[in-house]
Amino acid sequence: MTTPGRNEPQTLKEAHDVAASTRPLPGASLATWLKWRQANARMYRAVSDVDRFHHHELRYWVSHEEDKAEELAARIAEEKAETR
């Protein structure tokens, strides 16, 4: 179990605020978006261990971010294959 550090989000709302404030700019590279999605998944997972009232909603966000990260990783791999 990973718990957030002292200066990290402790609630669902705080996690959403962090995700919104760190969102890449439109036109950012797929690699940048992938890193952001992966970081969000880790953050939501850590917060789900602390904000027990929103545990299930946070687990939804973990799954959502992991799914989006997998899609991005597949797109990146596809683009690499096309350039060979």
PDB file of N, CA and C in Angstrom:
ATOM      1  N   MET A   1       0.851  -1.173   0.000  1.00  0.00           N
ATOM      2  CA  MET A   1       0.000   0.000   0.000  1.00  0.00           C
ATOM      3  C   MET A   1       0.900   1.241   0.000  1.00  0.00           C
ATOM      4  N   THR A   2       0.595   2.155  -0.914  1.00  0.00           N
ATOM      5  CA  THR A   2       1.325   3.409  -0.999  1.00  0.00           C
ATOM      6  C   THR A   2       0.421   4.530  -0.525  1.00  0.00           C
ATOM      7  N   THR A   3       0.917   5.331   0.393  1.00  0.00           N
ATOM      8  CA  THR A   3       0.122   6.465   0.850  1.00  0.00           C
ATOM      9  C   THR A   3       0.785   7.751   0.380  1.00  0.00           C
ATOM     10  N   PRO A   4      -0.027   8.770   0.123  1.00  0.00           N
ATOM     11  CA  PRO A   4       0.535  10.031  -0.342  1.00  0.00           C
ATOM     12  C   PRO A   4       1.422  10.674   0.720  1.00  0.00           C
ATOM     13  N   GLY A   5       2.418  11.418   0.265  1.00  0.00           N
ATOM     14  CA  GLY A   5       3.275  12.169   1.181  1.00  0.00           C
ATOM     15  C   GLY A   5       2.540  13.382   1.735  1.00  0.00           C
ATOM     16  N   ARG A   6       3.197  14.084   2.606  1.00  0.00           N
ATOM     17  CA  ARG A   6       2.577  15.203   3.309  1.00  0.00           C
ATOM     18  C   ARG A   6       2.063  16.288   2.349  1.00  0.00           C
ATOM     19  N   ASN A   7       2.801  16.592   1.291  1.00  0.00           N
ATOM     20  CA  ASN A   7       2.406  17.652   0.367  1.00  0.00           C
ATOM     21  C   ASN A   7       1.660  17.128  -0.853  1.00  0.00           C
ATOM     22  N   GLU A   8       1.197  15.912  -0.790  1.00  0.00           N
ATOM     23  CA  GLU A   8       0.466  15.299  -1.898  1.00  0.00           C
ATOM     24  C   GLU A   8      -1.017  15.267  -1.566  1.00  0.00           C
ATOM     25  N   PRO A   9      -1.868  15.110  -2.590  1.00  0.00           N
ATOM     26  CA  PRO A   9      -3.315  15.116  -2.356  1.00  0.00           C
ATOM     27  C   PRO A   9      -3.740  14.015  -1.385  1.00  0.00           C
ATOM     28  N   GLN A  10      -4.730  14.351  -0.567  1.00  0.00           N
ATOM     29  CA  GLN A  10      -5.251  13.413   0.421  1.00  0.00           C
ATOM     30  C   GLN A  10      -6.715  13.052   0.154  1.00  0.00           C
ATOM     31  N   THR A  11      -7.351  13.773  -0.766  1.00  0.00           N
ATOM     32  CA  THR A  11      -8.772  13.548  -1.052  1.00  0.00           C
ATOM     33  C   THR A  11      -8.987  13.465  -2.560  1.00  0.00           C
ATOM     34  N   LEU A  12     -10.143  12.963  -2.949  1.00  0.00           N
ATOM     35  CA  LEU A  12     -10.514  12.892  -4.358  1.00  0.00           C
ATOM     36  C   LEU A  12     -10.474  14.277  -4.986  1.00  0.00           C
ATOM     37  N   LYS A  13     -11.049  15.261  -4.311  1.00  0.00           N
ATOM     38  CA  LYS A  13     -11.067  16.621  -4.855  1.00  0.00           C
ATOM     39  C   LYS A  13      -9.659  17.151  -5.059  1.00  0.00           C
ATOM     40  N   GLU A  14      -8.787  16.955  -4.073  1.00  0.00           N
ATOM     41  CA  GLU A  14      -7.411  17.413  -4.212  1.00  0.00           C
ATOM     42  C   GLU A  14      -6.708  16.701  -5.374  1.00  0.00           C
ATOM     43  N   ALA A  15      -6.976  15.411  -5.538  1.00  0.00           N
ATOM     44  CA  ALA A  15      -6.372  14.662  -6.646  1.00  0.00           C
ATOM     45  C   ALA A  15      -6.855  15.208  -7.986  1.00  0.00           C
ATOM     46  N   HIS A  16      -8.157  15.486  -8.098  1.00  0.00           N
ATOM     47  CA  HIS A  16      -8.682  16.075  -9.333  1.00  0.00           C
ATOM     48  C   HIS A  16      -8.032  17.437  -9.596  1.00  0.00           C
ATOM     49  N   ASP A  17      -7.837  18.225  -8.539  1.00  0.00           N
ATOM     50  CA  ASP A  17      -7.212  19.538  -8.693  1.00  0.00           C
ATOM     51  C   ASP A  17      -5.779  19.398  -9.216  1.00  0.00           C
ATOM     52  N   VAL A  18      -5.042  18.438  -8.677  1.00  0.00           N
ATOM     53  CA  VAL A  18      -3.671  18.206  -9.137  1.00  0.00           C
ATOM     54  C   VAL A  18      -3.681  17.762 -10.597  1.00  0.00           C
ATOM     55  N   ALA A  19      -4.560  16.835 -10.938  1.00  0.00           N
ATOM     56  CA  ALA A  19      -4.630  16.361 -12.318  1.00  0.00           C
ATOM     57  C   ALA A  19      -4.941  17.507 -13.272  1.00  0.00           C
ATOM     58  N   ALA A  20      -5.877  18.350 -12.893  1.00  0.00           N
ATOM     59  CA  ALA A  20      -6.254  19.474 -13.758  1.00  0.00           C
ATOM     60  C   ALA A  20      -5.112  20.478 -13.889  1.00  0.00           C
ATOM     61  N   SER A  21      -4.404  20.727 -12.818  1.00  0.00           N
ATOM     62  CA  SER A  21      -3.345  21.745 -12.852  1.00  0.00           C
ATOM     63  C   SER A  21      -2.081  21.265 -13.559  1.00  0.00           C
ATOM     64  N   THR A  22      -1.926  19.961 -13.719  1.00  0.00           N
ATOM     65  CA  THR A  22      -0.727  19.422 -14.371  1.00  0.00           C
ATOM     66  C   THR A  22      -1.005  18.914 -15.776  1.00  0.00           C
ATOM     67  N   ARG A  23      -2.243  19.073 -16.227  1.00  0.00           N
ATOM     68  CA  ARG A  23      -2.647  18.573 -17.550  1.00  0.00           C
ATOM     69  C   ARG A  23      -1.770  19.182 -18.645  1.00  0.00           C
ATOM     70  N   PRO A  24      -1.249  18.349 -19.546  1.00  0.00           N
ATOM     71  CA  PRO A  24      -0.428  18.878 -20.638  1.00  0.00           C
ATOM     72  C   PRO A  24      -1.235  19.816 -21.539  1.00  0.00           C
ATOM     73  N   LEU A  25      -0.513  20.682 -22.194  1.00  0.00           N
ATOM     74  CA  LEU A  25      -1.148  21.607 -23.128  1.00  0.00           C
ATOM     75  C   LEU A  25      -1.604  20.870 -24.375  1.00  0.00           C
ATOM     76  N   PRO A  26      -2.648  21.376 -25.044  1.00  0.00           N
ATOM     77  CA  PRO A  26      -3.066  20.769 -26.307  1.00  0.00           C
ATOM     78  C   PRO A  26      -1.868  20.727 -27.264  1.00  0.00           C
ATOM     79  N   GLY A  27      -1.745  19.636 -27.967  1.00  0.00           N
ATOM     80  CA  GLY A  27      -0.641  19.486 -28.902  1.00  0.00           C
ATOM     81  C   GLY A  27       0.611  18.886 -28.284  1.00  0.00           C
ATOM     82  N   ALA A  28       0.571  18.591 -26.982  1.00  0.00           N
ATOM     83  CA  ALA A  28       1.727  17.954 -26.336  1.00  0.00           C
ATOM     84  C   ALA A  28       1.947  16.579 -26.960  1.00  0.00           C
ATOM     85  N   SER A  29       3.168  16.090 -26.861  1.00  0.00           N
ATOM     86  CA  SER A  29       3.503  14.787 -27.455  1.00  0.00           C
ATOM     87  C   SER A  29       2.734  13.660 -26.763  1.00  0.00           C
ATOM     88  N   LEU A  30       2.609  12.557 -27.476  1.00  0.00           N
ATOM     89  CA  LEU A  30       1.952  11.386 -26.893  1.00  0.00           C
ATOM     90  C   LEU A  30       2.722  10.901 -25.670  1.00  0.00           C
ATOM     91  N   ALA A  31       4.040  10.999 -25.705  1.00  0.00           N
ATOM     92  CA  ALA A  31       4.853  10.572 -24.559  1.00  0.00           C
ATOM     93  C   ALA A  31       4.557  11.425 -23.328  1.00  0.00           C
ATOM     94  N   THR A  32       4.339  12.716 -23.534  1.00  0.00           N
ATOM     95  CA  THR A  32       3.992  13.605 -22.417  1.00  0.00           C
ATOM     96  C   THR A  32       2.645  13.220 -21.835  1.00  0.00           C
ATOM     97  N   TRP A  33       1.677  12.971 -22.700  1.00  0.00           N
ATOM     98  CA  TRP A  33       0.348  12.550 -22.238  1.00  0.00           C
ATOM     99  C   TRP A  33       0.422  11.209 -21.509  1.00  0.00           C
ATOM    100  N   LEU A  34       1.234  10.293 -22.031  1.00  0.00           N
ATOM    101  CA  LEU A  34       1.387   8.984 -21.397  1.00  0.00           C
ATOM    102  C   LEU A  34       1.940   9.143 -19.984  1.00  0.00           C
ATOM    103  N   LYS A  35       2.985   9.930 -19.826  1.00  0.00           N
ATOM    104  CA  LYS A  35       3.563  10.146 -18.496  1.00  0.00           C
ATOM    105  C   LYS A  35       2.542  10.762 -17.552  1.00  0.00           C
ATOM    106  N   TRP A  36       1.740  11.705 -18.053  1.00  0.00           N
ATOM    107  CA  TRP A  36       0.721  12.350 -17.231  1.00  0.00           C
ATOM    108  C   TRP A  36      -0.337  11.336 -16.787  1.00  0.00           C
ATOM    109  N   ARG A  37      -0.803  10.514 -17.717  1.00  0.00           N
ATOM    110  CA  ARG A  37      -1.806   9.491 -17.368  1.00  0.00           C
ATOM    111  C   ARG A  37      -1.246   8.516 -16.335  1.00  0.00           C
ATOM    112  N   GLN A  38      -0.008   8.075 -16.519  1.00  0.00           N
ATOM    113  CA  GLN A  38       0.600   7.129 -15.576  1.00  0.00           C
ATOM    114  C   GLN A  38       0.755   7.766 -14.191  1.00  0.00           C
ATOM    115  N   ALA A  39       1.151   9.025 -14.160  1.00  0.00           N
ATOM    116  CA  ALA A  39       1.286   9.724 -12.875  1.00  0.00           C
ATOM    117  C   ALA A  39      -0.075   9.861 -12.193  1.00  0.00           C
ATOM    118  N   ASN A  40      -1.103  10.163 -12.980  1.00  0.00           N
ATOM    119  CA  ASN A  40      -2.448  10.265 -12.411  1.00  0.00           C
ATOM    120  C   ASN A  40      -2.891   8.936 -11.814  1.00  0.00           C
ATOM    121  N   ALA A  41      -2.645   7.843 -12.517  1.00  0.00           N
ATOM    122  CA  ALA A  41      -3.042   6.527 -12.004  1.00  0.00           C
ATOM    123  C   ALA A  41      -2.365   6.250 -10.665  1.00  0.00           C
ATOM    124  N   ARG A  42      -1.066   6.549 -10.582  1.00  0.00           N
ATOM    125  CA  ARG A  42      -0.344   6.341  -9.313  1.00  0.00           C
ATOM    126  C   ARG A  42      -0.914   7.224  -8.210  1.00  0.00           C
ATOM    127  N   MET A  43      -1.203   8.474  -8.559  1.00  0.00           N
ATOM    128  CA  MET A  43      -1.728   9.411  -7.570  1.00  0.00           C
ATOM    129  C   MET A  43      -3.102   8.943  -7.064  1.00  0.00           C
ATOM    130  N   TYR A  44      -4.010   8.619  -7.981  1.00  0.00           N
ATOM    131  CA  TYR A  44      -5.347   8.186  -7.566  1.00  0.00           C
ATOM    132  C   TYR A  44      -5.267   6.905  -6.728  1.00  0.00           C
ATOM    133  N   ARG A  45      -4.343   6.001  -7.074  1.00  0.00           N
ATOM    134  CA  ARG A  45      -4.190   4.768  -6.295  1.00  0.00           C
ATOM    135  C   ARG A  45      -3.756   5.103  -4.869  1.00  0.00           C
ATOM    136  N   ALA A  46      -2.784   5.990  -4.719  1.00  0.00           N
ATOM    137  CA  ALA A  46      -2.304   6.362  -3.385  1.00  0.00           C
ATOM    138  C   ALA A  46      -3.409   7.040  -2.579  1.00  0.00           C
ATOM    139  N   VAL A  47      -4.161   7.926  -3.213  1.00  0.00           N
ATOM    140  CA  VAL A  47      -5.223   8.644  -2.505  1.00  0.00           C
ATOM    141  C   VAL A  47      -6.351   7.687  -2.112  1.00  0.00           C
ATOM    142  N   SER A  48      -6.574   6.638  -2.916  1.00  0.00           N
ATOM    143  CA  SER A  48      -7.656   5.692  -2.594  1.00  0.00           C
ATOM    144  C   SER A  48      -7.407   4.974  -1.274  1.00  0.00           C
ATOM    145  N   ASP A  49      -6.146   4.906  -0.855  1.00  0.00           N
ATOM    146  CA  ASP A  49      -5.821   4.273   0.426  1.00  0.00           C
ATOM    147  C   ASP A  49      -6.047   5.219   1.601  1.00  0.00           C
ATOM    148  N   VAL A  50      -6.192   6.519   1.316  1.00  0.00           N
ATOM    149  CA  VAL A  50      -6.350   7.522   2.367  1.00  0.00           C
ATOM    150  C   VAL A  50      -7.793   8.014   2.454  1.00  0.00           C
ATOM    151  N   ASP A  51      -8.359   8.382   1.312  1.00  0.00           N
ATOM    152  CA  ASP A  51      -9.731   8.911   1.269  1.00  0.00           C
ATOM    153  C   ASP A  51     -10.697   7.736   1.120  1.00  0.00           C
ATOM    154  N   ARG A  52     -10.941   7.061   2.231  1.00  0.00           N
ATOM    155  CA  ARG A  52     -11.745   5.843   2.201  1.00  0.00           C
ATOM    156  C   ARG A  52     -13.201   6.117   1.815  1.00  0.00           C
ATOM    157  N   PHE A  53     -13.697   7.332   2.067  1.00  0.00           N
ATOM    158  CA  PHE A  53     -15.074   7.661   1.712  1.00  0.00           C
ATOM    159  C   PHE A  53     -15.256   7.623   0.197  1.00  0.00           C
ATOM    160  N   HIS A  54     -14.213   7.962  -0.550  1.00  0.00           N
ATOM    161  CA  HIS A  54     -14.282   7.974  -2.015  1.00  0.00           C
ATOM    162  C   HIS A  54     -13.457   6.843  -2.646  1.00  0.00           C
ATOM    163  N   HIS A  55     -13.172   5.810  -1.870  1.00  0.00           N
ATOM    164  CA  HIS A  55     -12.306   4.717  -2.327  1.00  0.00           C
ATOM    165  C   HIS A  55     -12.742   4.151  -3.677  1.00  0.00           C
ATOM    166  N   HIS A  56     -14.009   3.828  -3.819  1.00  0.00           N
ATOM    167  CA  HIS A  56     -14.464   3.180  -5.055  1.00  0.00           C
ATOM    168  C   HIS A  56     -14.412   4.135  -6.241  1.00  0.00           C
ATOM    169  N   GLU A  57     -14.738   5.394  -6.032  1.00  0.00           N
ATOM    170  CA  GLU A  57     -14.636   6.367  -7.118  1.00  0.00           C
ATOM    171  C   GLU A  57     -13.169   6.572  -7.515  1.00  0.00           C
ATOM    172  N   LEU A  58     -12.296   6.598  -6.533  1.00  0.00           N
ATOM    173  CA  LEU A  58     -10.873   6.724  -6.827  1.00  0.00           C
ATOM    174  C   LEU A  58     -10.363   5.516  -7.597  1.00  0.00           C
ATOM    175  N   ARG A  59     -10.835   4.338  -7.249  1.00  0.00           N
ATOM    176  CA  ARG A  59     -10.430   3.128  -7.985  1.00  0.00           C
ATOM    177  C   ARG A  59     -10.922   3.205  -9.431  1.00  0.00           C
ATOM    178  N   TYR A  60     -12.094   3.805  -9.650  1.00  0.00           N
ATOM    179  CA  TYR A  60     -12.562   4.030 -11.020  1.00  0.00           C
ATOM    180  C   TYR A  60     -11.544   4.885 -11.765  1.00  0.00           C
ATOM    181  N   TRP A  61     -11.065   5.971 -11.132  1.00  0.00           N
ATOM    182  CA  TRP A  61     -10.125   6.873 -11.785  1.00  0.00           C
ATOM    183  C   TRP A  61      -8.785   6.199 -12.036  1.00  0.00           C
ATOM    184  N   VAL A  62      -8.356   5.308 -11.155  1.00  0.00           N
ATOM    185  CA  VAL A  62      -7.138   4.527 -11.395  1.00  0.00           C
ATOM    186  C   VAL A  62      -7.315   3.728 -12.678  1.00  0.00           C
ATOM    187  N   SER A  63      -8.419   3.016 -12.778  1.00  0.00           N
ATOM    188  CA  SER A  63      -8.693   2.195 -13.960  1.00  0.00           C
ATOM    189  C   SER A  63      -8.793   3.047 -15.219  1.00  0.00           C
ATOM    190  N   HIS A  64      -9.489   4.172 -15.119  1.00  0.00           N
ATOM    191  CA  HIS A  64      -9.642   5.076 -16.257  1.00  0.00           C
ATOM    192  C   HIS A  64      -8.289   5.548 -16.772  1.00  0.00           C
ATOM    193  N   GLU A  65      -7.440   6.017 -15.864  1.00  0.00           N
ATOM    194  CA  GLU A  65      -6.128   6.534 -16.255  1.00  0.00           C
ATOM    195  C   GLU A  65      -5.236   5.419 -16.807  1.00  0.00           C
ATOM    196  N   GLU A  66      -5.306   4.238 -16.222  1.00  0.00           N
ATOM    197  CA  GLU A  66      -4.518   3.116 -16.738  1.00  0.00           C
ATOM    198  C   GLU A  66      -4.982   2.713 -18.135  1.00  0.00           C
ATOM    199  N   ASP A  67      -6.290   2.706 -18.366  1.00  0.00           N
ATOM    200  CA  ASP A  67      -6.819   2.385 -19.698  1.00  0.00           C
ATOM    201  C   ASP A  67      -6.348   3.405 -20.728  1.00  0.00           C
ATOM    202  N   LYS A  68      -6.429   4.688 -20.389  1.00  0.00           N
ATOM    203  CA  LYS A  68      -5.981   5.740 -21.303  1.00  0.00           C
ATOM    204  C   LYS A  68      -4.473   5.627 -21.557  1.00  0.00           C
ATOM    205  N   ALA A  69      -3.707   5.285 -20.526  1.00  0.00           N
ATOM    206  CA  ALA A  69      -2.259   5.116 -20.683  1.00  0.00           C
ATOM    207  C   ALA A  69      -1.954   3.947 -21.621  1.00  0.00           C
ATOM    208  N   GLU A  70      -2.697   2.857 -21.488  1.00  0.00           N
ATOM    209  CA  GLU A  70      -2.504   1.712 -22.386  1.00  0.00           C
ATOM    210  C   GLU A  70      -2.810   2.086 -23.830  1.00  0.00           C
ATOM    211  N   GLU A  71      -3.876   2.862 -24.040  1.00  0.00           N
ATOM    212  CA  GLU A  71      -4.214   3.316 -25.389  1.00  0.00           C
ATOM    213  C   GLU A  71      -3.090   4.172 -25.967  1.00  0.00           C
ATOM    214  N   LEU A  72      -2.556   5.074 -25.161  1.00  0.00           N
ATOM    215  CA  LEU A  72      -1.467   5.929 -25.622  1.00  0.00           C
ATOM    216  C   LEU A  72      -0.212   5.116 -25.920  1.00  0.00           C
ATOM    217  N   ALA A  73       0.111   4.161 -25.067  1.00  0.00           N
ATOM    218  CA  ALA A  73       1.286   3.314 -25.298  1.00  0.00           C
ATOM    219  C   ALA A  73       1.137   2.545 -26.608  1.00  0.00           C
ATOM    220  N   ALA A  74      -0.068   2.066 -26.879  1.00  0.00           N
ATOM    221  CA  ALA A  74      -0.313   1.349 -28.134  1.00  0.00           C
ATOM    222  C   ALA A  74      -0.148   2.282 -29.335  1.00  0.00           C
ATOM    223  N   ARG A  75      -0.647   3.517 -29.228  1.00  0.00           N
ATOM    224  CA  ARG A  75      -0.495   4.488 -30.315  1.00  0.00           C
ATOM    225  C   ARG A  75       0.970   4.828 -30.552  1.00  0.00           C
ATOM    226  N   ILE A  76       1.728   4.970 -29.474  1.00  0.00           N
ATOM    227  CA  ILE A  76       3.149   5.270 -29.595  1.00  0.00           C
ATOM    228  C   ILE A  76       3.866   4.111 -30.290  1.00  0.00           C
ATOM    229  N   ALA A  77       3.563   2.888 -29.887  1.00  0.00           N
ATOM    230  CA  ALA A  77       4.179   1.713 -30.504  1.00  0.00           C
ATOM    231  C   ALA A  77       3.785   1.616 -31.973  1.00  0.00           C
ATOM    232  N   GLU A  78       2.540   1.923 -32.277  1.00  0.00           N
ATOM    233  CA  GLU A  78       2.061   1.881 -33.662  1.00  0.00           C
ATOM    234  C   GLU A  78       2.806   2.910 -34.517  1.00  0.00           C
ATOM    235  N   GLU A  79       2.983   4.106 -33.986  1.00  0.00           N
ATOM    236  CA  GLU A  79       3.691   5.153 -34.729  1.00  0.00           C
ATOM    237  C   GLU A  79       5.153   4.776 -34.955  1.00  0.00           C
ATOM    238  N   LYS A  80       5.765   4.159 -33.953  1.00  0.00           N
ATOM    239  CA  LYS A  80       7.159   3.713 -34.104  1.00  0.00           C
ATOM    240  C   LYS A  80       7.263   2.651 -35.195  1.00  0.00           C
ATOM    241  N   ALA A  81       6.300   1.739 -35.213  1.00  0.00           N
ATOM    242  CA  ALA A  81       6.305   0.664 -36.220  1.00  0.00           C
ATOM    243  C   ALA A  81       6.119   1.227 -37.629  1.00  0.00           C
ATOM    244  N   GLU A  82       5.325   2.273 -37.748  1.00  0.00           N
ATOM    245  CA  GLU A  82       5.068   2.875 -39.064  1.00  0.00           C
ATOM    246  C   GLU A  82       6.285   3.614 -39.614  1.00  0.00           C
ATOM    247  N   THR A  83       7.143   4.095 -38.724  1.00  0.00           N
ATOM    248  CA  THR A  83       8.298   4.866 -39.178  1.00  0.00           C
ATOM    249  C   THR A  83       9.504   3.989 -39.508  1.00  0.00           C
ATOM    250  N   ARG A  84       9.357   2.713 -39.354  1.00  0.00           N
ATOM    251  CA  ARG A  84      10.476   1.793 -39.663  1.00  0.00           C
ATOM    252  C   ARG A  84      10.497   1.466 -41.113  1.00  0.00           C
TER     253      ARG A  84
END
